[in-house]
Protein backbone atom coordinates (compact mmCIF):
# COMPACT_ATOMS: atom_id res chain seq x y z
CA UNK A 1 -34.88 -3.95 -113.44
CA UNK A 2 -33.29 -1.07 -111.51
CA UNK A 3 -29.99 -1.38 -110.11
CA UNK A 4 -29.40 1.03 -107.26
CA UNK A 5 -25.88 1.87 -105.59
CA UNK A 6 -26.68 2.56 -101.97
CA UNK A 7 -23.73 5.14 -100.09
CA UNK A 8 -23.42 6.87 -97.06
CA UNK A 9 -22.28 10.26 -96.00
CA UNK A 10 -20.85 11.21 -93.03
CA UNK A 11 -18.93 14.13 -91.76
CA UNK A 12 -15.76 14.15 -92.72
CA UNK A 13 -12.43 15.52 -91.11
CA UNK A 14 -12.83 18.80 -89.08
CA UNK A 15 -12.51 22.07 -90.69
CA UNK A 16 -11.10 20.46 -94.16
CA UNK A 17 -14.82 20.75 -96.06
CA UNK A 18 -14.36 17.31 -97.14
CA UNK A 19 -12.82 13.95 -97.16
CA UNK A 20 -9.32 13.93 -98.71
CA UNK A 21 -8.71 12.67 -102.06
CA UNK A 22 -7.63 9.10 -102.44
CA UNK A 23 -6.77 6.65 -105.08
CA UNK A 24 -9.17 3.85 -105.55
CA UNK A 25 -7.57 0.24 -106.81
CA UNK A 26 -10.61 -2.12 -107.99
CA UNK A 27 -10.21 -6.08 -107.70
CA UNK A 28 -10.25 -5.33 -111.81
CA UNK A 29 -7.42 -3.06 -111.79
CA UNK A 30 -9.16 0.11 -112.44
CA UNK A 31 -8.44 3.13 -110.45
CA UNK A 32 -10.05 6.46 -109.76
CA UNK A 33 -9.27 9.49 -108.04
CA UNK A 34 -11.92 11.21 -105.67
CA UNK A 35 -12.42 12.12 -102.25
CA UNK A 36 -15.44 10.19 -102.23
CA UNK A 37 -15.82 6.78 -103.03
CA UNK A 38 -19.44 6.57 -103.98
CA UNK A 39 -18.16 8.44 -106.88
CA UNK A 40 -15.21 5.91 -108.15
CA UNK A 41 -17.55 2.85 -107.37
CA UNK A 42 -20.70 4.82 -110.12
CA UNK A 43 -17.63 5.08 -112.20
CA UNK A 44 -16.26 1.44 -112.27
CA UNK A 45 -19.93 -0.15 -112.40
CA UNK A 46 -20.30 2.14 -115.77
CA UNK A 47 -17.23 1.35 -117.39
CA UNK A 48 -17.78 -3.16 -116.27
CA UNK A 49 -21.11 -2.58 -118.23
CA UNK A 50 -23.33 -2.81 -114.80
CA UNK A 51 -24.07 0.88 -114.52
CA UNK A 52 -26.14 2.43 -111.67
CA UNK A 53 -29.48 3.31 -112.82
CA UNK A 54 -30.17 5.07 -109.37
CA UNK A 55 -27.99 6.60 -107.02
CA UNK A 56 -28.39 6.64 -103.30
CA UNK A 57 -27.14 8.81 -100.60
CA UNK A 58 -28.25 8.54 -97.45
CA UNK A 59 -26.64 10.85 -94.76
CA UNK A 60 -27.24 12.57 -91.18
CA UNK A 61 -28.31 16.11 -91.17
CA UNK A 62 -24.75 17.20 -90.46
CA UNK A 63 -23.15 14.87 -93.06
CA UNK A 64 -20.60 17.00 -95.56
CA UNK A 65 -23.55 16.99 -98.18
CA UNK A 66 -22.32 20.68 -99.40
CA UNK A 67 -18.65 19.37 -99.99
CA UNK A 68 -20.01 16.27 -101.76
CA UNK A 69 -22.66 17.98 -104.45
CA UNK A 70 -20.42 21.45 -104.62
CA UNK A 71 -19.41 20.58 -108.17
CA UNK A 72 -23.11 20.40 -109.17
CA UNK A 73 -24.38 23.17 -107.24
CA UNK A 74 -21.13 25.88 -107.42
CA UNK A 75 -22.00 29.13 -105.29
CA UNK A 76 -25.46 28.88 -105.90
CA UNK A 77 -27.96 30.27 -103.63
CA UNK A 78 -29.19 26.89 -102.61
CA UNK A 79 -25.26 25.94 -102.52
CA UNK A 80 -25.10 28.38 -99.65
CA UNK A 81 -28.54 27.32 -97.80
CA UNK A 82 -27.34 23.60 -97.62
CA UNK A 83 -23.42 24.73 -96.81
CA UNK A 84 -25.42 26.81 -93.50
CA UNK A 85 -27.64 24.10 -92.68
CA UNK A 86 -25.00 21.26 -92.69
CA UNK A 87 -23.21 23.75 -89.93
CA UNK A 88 -26.28 23.93 -87.76
CA UNK A 89 -26.52 20.30 -88.64
CA UNK A 90 -30.52 20.94 -89.75
CA UNK A 91 -29.81 19.51 -93.26
CA UNK A 92 -33.45 17.62 -93.83
CA UNK A 93 -35.18 15.54 -96.40
CA UNK A 94 -37.14 18.75 -97.60
CA UNK A 95 -33.90 20.70 -98.20
CA UNK A 96 -32.30 17.68 -100.51
CA UNK A 97 -35.12 17.28 -102.18
CA UNK A 98 -34.47 20.67 -103.87
CA UNK A 99 -31.06 19.68 -104.18
CA UNK A 100 -31.72 16.49 -106.47
CA UNK A 101 -32.65 17.54 -109.39
CA UNK A 102 -29.65 19.62 -109.67
CA UNK A 103 -27.36 16.28 -108.92
CA UNK A 104 -29.47 14.36 -111.06
CA UNK A 105 -28.63 16.44 -114.02
CA UNK A 106 -25.20 16.11 -113.49
CA UNK A 107 -25.02 12.59 -112.79
CA UNK A 108 -26.88 11.68 -115.90
CA UNK A 109 -25.17 13.66 -118.03
CA UNK A 110 -21.96 12.06 -117.02
CA UNK A 111 -23.77 8.96 -117.71
CA UNK A 112 -23.33 7.56 -113.86
CA UNK A 113 -26.83 7.76 -112.91
CA UNK A 114 -30.45 8.85 -114.55
CA UNK A 115 -31.86 8.98 -110.86
CA UNK A 116 -30.68 10.31 -107.90
CA UNK A 117 -32.24 10.24 -104.26
CA UNK A 118 -30.32 12.29 -101.37
CA UNK A 119 -31.99 11.17 -97.48
CA UNK A 120 -30.82 11.77 -94.27
CA UNK A 121 -31.30 9.17 -91.69
CA UNK A 122 -30.44 9.12 -87.69
CA UNK A 123 -27.12 8.23 -86.12
CA UNK A 124 -27.91 5.04 -85.34
CA UNK A 125 -27.17 5.40 -81.55
CA UNK A 126 -30.04 3.19 -80.46
CA UNK A 127 -32.26 0.56 -81.40
CA UNK A 128 -34.55 2.68 -82.54
CA UNK A 129 -32.62 5.09 -84.79
CA UNK A 130 -30.83 1.76 -86.03
CA UNK A 131 -34.35 0.18 -87.18
CA UNK A 132 -34.99 3.92 -88.91
CA UNK A 133 -32.16 3.40 -91.04
CA UNK A 134 -33.01 0.05 -92.47
CA UNK A 135 -36.72 1.46 -93.01
CA UNK A 136 -35.43 4.57 -94.98
CA UNK A 137 -33.69 2.25 -97.42
CA UNK A 138 -36.93 -0.05 -97.50
CA UNK A 139 -38.72 2.83 -98.33
CA UNK A 140 -36.83 4.14 -101.38
CA UNK A 141 -35.72 0.36 -102.67
CA UNK A 142 -38.44 -1.07 -104.74
CA UNK A 143 -38.70 -4.77 -104.63
CA UNK A 144 -36.89 -6.83 -107.11
CA UNK A 145 -34.16 -4.09 -107.55
CA UNK A 146 -30.51 -5.12 -107.88
CA UNK A 147 -28.32 -3.05 -105.11
CA UNK A 148 -25.06 -2.42 -105.03
CA UNK A 149 -23.73 -1.15 -101.12
CA UNK A 150 -20.77 0.98 -100.36
CA UNK A 151 -20.11 1.62 -96.50
CA UNK A 152 -17.17 3.36 -96.87
CA UNK A 153 -17.65 6.59 -95.57
CA UNK A 154 -20.30 7.56 -92.11
CA UNK A 155 -19.81 6.20 -88.43
CA UNK A 156 -17.68 3.30 -88.02
CA UNK A 157 -20.50 1.30 -86.73
CA UNK A 158 -22.47 1.76 -90.54
CA UNK A 159 -20.44 -1.31 -92.20
CA UNK A 160 -22.04 -3.53 -89.27
CA UNK A 161 -25.62 -2.03 -90.31
CA UNK A 162 -24.99 -1.72 -94.26
CA UNK A 163 -24.38 -5.61 -93.51
CA UNK A 164 -27.89 -6.51 -91.58
CA UNK A 165 -29.54 -3.71 -94.05
CA UNK A 166 -28.66 -5.95 -97.05
CA UNK A 167 -29.68 -9.37 -95.34
CA UNK A 168 -32.79 -6.97 -94.17
CA UNK A 169 -33.45 -6.37 -97.89
CA UNK A 170 -32.32 -9.12 -99.89
CA UNK A 171 -35.38 -10.96 -97.57
CA UNK A 172 -37.77 -8.77 -96.94
CA UNK A 173 -38.23 -6.80 -99.69
CA UNK A 174 -37.18 -9.65 -102.06
CA UNK A 175 -34.02 -7.21 -103.58
CA UNK A 176 -30.96 -8.46 -104.85
CA UNK A 177 -27.67 -7.71 -103.50
CA UNK A 178 -25.05 -7.62 -106.24
CA UNK A 179 -22.09 -6.60 -104.13
CA UNK A 180 -20.84 -4.51 -100.54
CA UNK A 181 -17.73 -2.50 -101.13
CA UNK A 182 -15.85 -0.71 -98.67
CA UNK A 183 -12.78 2.13 -99.88
CA UNK A 184 -10.13 1.05 -97.59
CA UNK A 185 -8.92 4.35 -96.51
CA UNK A 186 -6.99 3.17 -93.44
CA UNK A 187 -4.81 0.69 -95.55
CA UNK A 188 -3.49 3.18 -98.06
CA UNK A 189 -0.08 2.48 -99.41
CA UNK A 190 2.06 4.69 -101.80
CA UNK A 191 -0.90 6.33 -102.27
CA UNK A 192 -3.15 3.56 -103.54
CA UNK A 193 -6.15 2.65 -101.27
CA UNK A 194 -7.19 -1.08 -101.72
CA UNK A 195 -11.09 -1.69 -102.31
CA UNK A 196 -12.38 -4.46 -100.01
CA UNK A 197 -15.47 -6.41 -101.21
CA UNK A 198 -17.55 -7.56 -98.02
CA UNK A 199 -19.80 -9.86 -99.96
CA UNK A 200 -18.22 -12.82 -97.78
CA UNK A 201 -20.04 -11.36 -94.95
CA UNK A 202 -23.20 -11.20 -96.69
CA UNK A 203 -22.96 -14.86 -97.74
CA UNK A 204 -22.40 -16.19 -94.37
CA UNK A 205 -25.13 -14.58 -93.06
CA UNK A 206 -27.36 -16.07 -95.71
CA UNK A 207 -25.93 -19.41 -94.58
CA UNK A 208 -26.75 -18.70 -90.95
CA UNK A 209 -30.42 -17.68 -92.00
CA UNK A 210 -30.45 -21.29 -94.09
CA UNK A 211 -29.07 -23.27 -91.44
CA UNK A 212 -31.83 -21.53 -89.13
CA UNK A 213 -34.49 -22.34 -91.70
CA UNK A 214 -33.60 -26.12 -92.09
CA UNK A 215 -33.49 -26.42 -87.99
CA UNK A 216 -37.02 -25.04 -88.43
CA UNK A 217 -38.24 -26.61 -91.72
CA UNK A 218 -36.37 -29.75 -92.34
CA UNK A 219 -36.28 -28.40 -96.20
CA UNK A 220 -32.92 -29.26 -97.84
CA UNK A 221 -33.87 -27.06 -100.35
CA UNK A 222 -32.73 -23.86 -98.31
CA UNK A 223 -29.48 -24.13 -98.94
CA UNK A 224 -29.98 -24.74 -102.51
CA UNK A 225 -29.53 -21.66 -104.01
CA UNK A 226 -25.90 -21.22 -101.88
CA UNK A 227 -24.51 -23.88 -103.55
CA UNK A 228 -22.23 -22.67 -106.58
CA UNK A 229 -22.70 -26.10 -107.93
CA UNK A 230 -26.38 -26.93 -110.04
CA UNK A 231 -26.48 -30.30 -109.68
CA UNK A 232 -25.60 -30.00 -106.26
CA UNK A 233 -28.23 -27.82 -105.46
CA UNK A 234 -30.83 -29.74 -107.76
CA UNK A 235 -30.28 -33.05 -105.82
CA UNK A 236 -30.68 -30.65 -102.27
CA UNK A 237 -33.85 -29.42 -103.52
CA UNK A 238 -34.82 -32.90 -105.13
CA UNK A 239 -34.43 -35.04 -101.69
CA UNK A 240 -36.34 -32.26 -99.63
CA UNK A 241 -39.13 -32.93 -101.72
CA UNK A 242 -38.96 -36.68 -101.08
CA UNK A 243 -38.16 -36.35 -97.78
CA UNK A 244 -40.96 -34.49 -97.59
CA UNK A 245 -43.19 -37.37 -99.06
CA UNK A 246 -41.69 -40.03 -97.21
CA UNK A 247 -39.95 -41.31 -99.92
CA UNK A 248 -36.96 -42.51 -98.25
CA UNK A 249 -35.32 -44.00 -100.90
CA UNK A 250 -35.31 -41.52 -103.75
CA UNK A 251 -34.14 -38.69 -100.72
CA UNK A 252 -31.26 -40.88 -100.08
CA UNK A 253 -30.18 -41.30 -103.36
CA UNK A 254 -30.83 -37.55 -104.01
CA UNK A 255 -28.71 -36.30 -101.06
CA UNK A 256 -25.83 -38.99 -101.45
CA UNK A 257 -25.64 -37.13 -105.15
CA UNK A 258 -25.76 -34.06 -103.20
CA UNK A 259 -22.51 -35.07 -100.89
CA UNK A 260 -20.25 -36.25 -103.62
CA UNK A 261 -19.71 -32.39 -104.41
CA UNK A 262 -18.86 -31.03 -100.85
CA UNK A 263 -15.43 -31.60 -101.37
CA UNK A 264 -15.38 -30.11 -104.27
CA UNK A 265 -17.45 -27.25 -102.45
CA UNK A 266 -15.40 -27.16 -99.93
CA UNK A 267 -11.76 -26.76 -101.74
CA UNK A 268 -13.22 -24.04 -103.98
CA UNK A 269 -15.59 -21.93 -101.67
CA UNK A 270 -14.39 -20.32 -98.49
CA UNK A 271 -17.64 -19.52 -96.85
CA UNK A 272 -19.10 -23.14 -97.90
CA UNK A 273 -16.28 -24.88 -95.86
CA UNK A 274 -17.48 -23.07 -92.87
CA UNK A 275 -20.73 -24.49 -92.67
CA UNK A 276 -19.62 -27.99 -95.09
CA UNK A 277 -19.23 -29.79 -91.22
CA UNK A 278 -22.67 -29.21 -90.43
CA UNK A 279 -23.83 -29.78 -94.07
CA UNK A 280 -22.42 -33.40 -93.68
CA UNK A 281 -23.88 -33.71 -90.11
CA UNK A 282 -27.46 -32.92 -91.68
CA UNK A 283 -27.34 -35.20 -94.37
CA UNK A 284 -24.84 -38.24 -93.04
CA UNK A 285 -28.16 -40.58 -92.55
CA UNK A 286 -27.82 -41.18 -96.43
CA UNK A 287 -24.96 -43.24 -95.46
CA UNK A 288 -26.92 -45.67 -93.03
CA UNK A 289 -27.21 -48.74 -94.63
CA UNK A 290 -30.21 -49.98 -93.55
CA UNK A 291 -33.45 -48.99 -94.89
CA UNK A 292 -35.39 -48.98 -91.65
CA UNK A 293 -31.92 -46.79 -89.77
CA UNK A 294 -32.74 -44.46 -92.81
CA UNK A 295 -36.09 -43.72 -92.29
CA UNK A 296 -35.70 -43.49 -88.22
CA UNK A 297 -32.86 -40.76 -88.74
CA UNK A 298 -35.40 -39.26 -91.05
CA UNK A 299 -37.81 -38.98 -88.56
CA UNK A 300 -35.69 -37.83 -85.97
CA UNK A 301 -34.76 -34.87 -88.45
CA UNK A 302 -38.92 -34.56 -88.87
CA UNK A 303 -38.86 -34.45 -85.05
CA UNK A 304 -36.27 -32.15 -84.58
CA UNK A 305 -38.45 -29.56 -87.49
CA UNK A 306 -41.37 -29.90 -85.16
CA UNK A 307 -43.35 -31.69 -88.25
CA UNK A 308 -44.63 -34.26 -86.33
CA UNK A 309 -46.89 -36.21 -88.67
CA UNK A 310 -43.92 -36.76 -91.12
CA UNK A 311 -42.07 -37.76 -87.67
CA UNK A 312 -45.00 -40.21 -86.71
CA UNK A 313 -45.45 -41.93 -89.89
CA UNK A 314 -41.66 -42.35 -90.62
CA UNK A 315 -41.28 -44.14 -87.25
CA UNK A 316 -44.11 -46.34 -87.80
CA UNK A 317 -42.56 -47.17 -91.56
CA UNK A 318 -39.08 -48.07 -89.54
CA UNK A 319 -40.86 -50.86 -87.65
CA UNK A 320 -42.68 -52.10 -90.68
CA UNK A 321 -39.19 -52.25 -92.71
CA UNK A 322 -37.74 -54.05 -90.16
CA UNK A 323 -40.66 -56.72 -90.33
CA UNK A 324 -40.20 -57.39 -93.81
CA UNK A 325 -36.24 -57.57 -93.27
CA UNK A 326 -37.03 -59.97 -90.67
CA UNK A 327 -38.90 -61.86 -92.57
CA UNK A 328 -36.63 -61.67 -95.40
CA UNK A 329 -38.74 -59.56 -97.86
CA UNK A 330 -38.12 -56.60 -99.88
CA UNK A 331 -39.04 -53.34 -98.05
CA UNK A 332 -39.25 -51.26 -101.10
CA UNK A 333 -41.91 -54.56 -102.58
CA UNK A 334 -45.68 -53.25 -101.46
CA UNK A 335 -46.68 -56.54 -101.02
CA UNK A 336 -44.20 -57.28 -98.46
CA UNK A 337 -45.18 -54.56 -96.70
CA UNK A 338 -48.65 -54.87 -96.49
CA UNK A 339 -47.63 -58.57 -95.07
CA UNK A 340 -45.48 -56.91 -92.43
CA UNK A 341 -48.00 -54.34 -91.48
CA UNK A 342 -50.22 -57.48 -91.31
CA UNK A 343 -47.96 -59.07 -88.71
CA UNK A 344 -47.50 -55.79 -86.85
CA UNK A 345 -51.40 -55.33 -86.69
CA UNK A 346 -52.27 -58.23 -85.26
CA UNK A 347 -49.39 -58.48 -82.25
CA UNK A 348 -50.30 -55.60 -81.30
CA UNK A 349 -54.06 -55.92 -81.30
CA UNK A 350 -54.89 -59.40 -81.39
CA UNK A 351 -52.82 -61.13 -78.61
CA UNK A 352 -54.32 -59.29 -75.75
CA UNK A 353 -51.94 -57.87 -72.77
CA UNK A 354 -47.99 -56.45 -73.98
CA UNK A 355 -45.13 -55.24 -71.91
CA UNK A 356 -44.68 -51.30 -71.95
CA UNK A 357 -41.29 -51.99 -73.96
CA UNK A 358 -42.56 -54.83 -76.18
CA UNK A 359 -42.07 -53.94 -80.34
CA UNK A 360 -46.11 -54.31 -80.55
CA UNK A 361 -46.88 -51.88 -77.81
CA UNK A 362 -44.23 -49.68 -79.48
CA UNK A 363 -45.83 -49.82 -83.11
CA UNK A 364 -49.47 -49.82 -81.91
CA UNK A 365 -48.63 -46.35 -79.75
CA UNK A 366 -46.54 -44.49 -82.71
CA UNK A 367 -49.47 -46.01 -85.00
CA UNK A 368 -52.28 -44.24 -82.89
CA UNK A 369 -50.08 -40.99 -82.38
CA UNK A 370 -49.88 -41.14 -86.19
CA UNK A 371 -53.55 -41.39 -86.92
CA UNK A 372 -54.74 -38.83 -84.79
CA UNK A 373 -52.25 -36.72 -85.58
CA UNK A 374 -52.85 -37.18 -89.87
CA UNK A 375 -56.44 -36.92 -89.13
CA UNK A 376 -56.50 -34.14 -86.50
CA UNK A 377 -58.80 -36.33 -84.63
CA UNK A 378 -58.46 -37.57 -81.13
CA UNK A 379 -58.79 -41.56 -80.65
CA UNK A 380 -61.93 -42.20 -78.08
CA UNK A 381 -60.21 -45.25 -76.41
CA UNK A 382 -56.82 -43.66 -75.15
CA UNK A 383 -55.30 -46.53 -75.02
CA UNK A 384 -51.53 -45.36 -74.35
CA UNK A 385 -52.55 -42.22 -72.93
CA UNK A 386 -52.88 -40.46 -76.23
CA UNK A 387 -54.84 -37.47 -74.63
CA UNK A 388 -52.11 -36.00 -72.18
CA UNK A 389 -49.34 -36.36 -74.86
CA UNK A 390 -51.68 -34.37 -77.61
CA UNK A 391 -52.24 -31.97 -74.64
CA UNK A 392 -48.89 -29.95 -75.32
CA UNK A 393 -45.99 -29.63 -77.95
CA UNK A 394 -43.70 -30.41 -74.96
CA UNK A 395 -45.37 -33.40 -73.84
CA UNK A 396 -45.54 -34.63 -77.42
CA UNK A 397 -41.97 -33.62 -78.23
CA UNK A 398 -41.05 -35.40 -75.68
CA UNK A 399 -43.29 -38.65 -76.18
CA UNK A 400 -42.52 -38.58 -79.78
CA UNK A 401 -38.54 -38.84 -79.27
CA UNK A 402 -39.14 -41.61 -76.51
CA UNK A 403 -40.79 -43.75 -79.01
CA UNK A 404 -38.30 -43.17 -81.80
CA UNK A 405 -35.50 -44.29 -79.13
CA UNK A 406 -37.18 -47.02 -78.75
CA UNK A 407 -38.20 -48.00 -82.09
CA UNK A 408 -34.57 -47.62 -82.69
CA UNK A 409 -33.57 -50.76 -80.29
CA UNK A 410 -36.38 -52.80 -82.01
CA UNK A 411 -34.33 -52.50 -84.90
CA UNK A 412 -31.27 -52.48 -83.26
CA UNK A 413 -31.67 -56.04 -82.06
CA UNK A 414 -32.38 -57.51 -85.75
CA UNK A 415 -28.33 -56.70 -86.37
């Protein structure tokens, strides 16, 4: 696995020939004096036993490449050409490819990085240029790499682009982001410049992605990698499996176990605390006392995630569970459920006409819809207007929502 440090290079103060010296203080207590924060970060990573194998420096055609690389190149002809091109703003990848081996030799000797890539990026003035920056990063970083990112130098828009880049690389290139650093020169006091970790913003972005993923899939497992509690993470993943297999009792037990850790996680993790209330709401159905009510709540979750087969199946099962309870049976016993199912079928198809709001009509339509969805065929009878219901996603979602609402009324009438 390759550890890459990805850093940016800007134009620097006008006429100064480079950035000014700063004494960067890391949270480990170590200090490094250098004009370029990326060099300080390279040294910090090496000192802490996590050295970068690959240094990637990205800058524009007018970034101060000559000032950054002077120590490695001195007044060589190549450095003079580089300096002239910086003045004109015409540095390109072809020139940097000639420069990179000299820098790589120096950094390798100092045990800071064994591989160096220097590359140009656009200014990021519009969407096309911003996308081009992300493409350049994706082309350089290999899938499976670990990436540390430095967004200290360059335009003030770079921290925003850097955060989006980190999310992009993590999601689409399977890259592990180990940290995002910012040498806060504007916060310098008494000659000391603090180093700020921006990982929390990345963590927030990951939570937002997970929330979006859950709303589309209904899978609690998307939150598992974000929890600093393995037992809670495993419980959420298991709850997702049991809910997918319509085993609501088991899903409930796993969710309740995970929920027991939420208070502790909220106190320990500031980012978790931002989303704790949402996560509690999404899993609150586990606290519903009645089995049928829990199944119906899970049906609503499935409908919200556009999983229409599971939504219809859970709604049907909730009415069967309700009938078992009315019979005084055990909802977890197969024989009691079969008896309740037969009773509901008899009421639905064995006694003739029904009112639109009757329990038997609601059960019958839900079951007919479930069968159509599960088997991928349309009922020839069209007893409940299934052809119209299944004509579009909008009509199916609306009708299933109405039927779940009616099922809730039926279940609550037994209270």
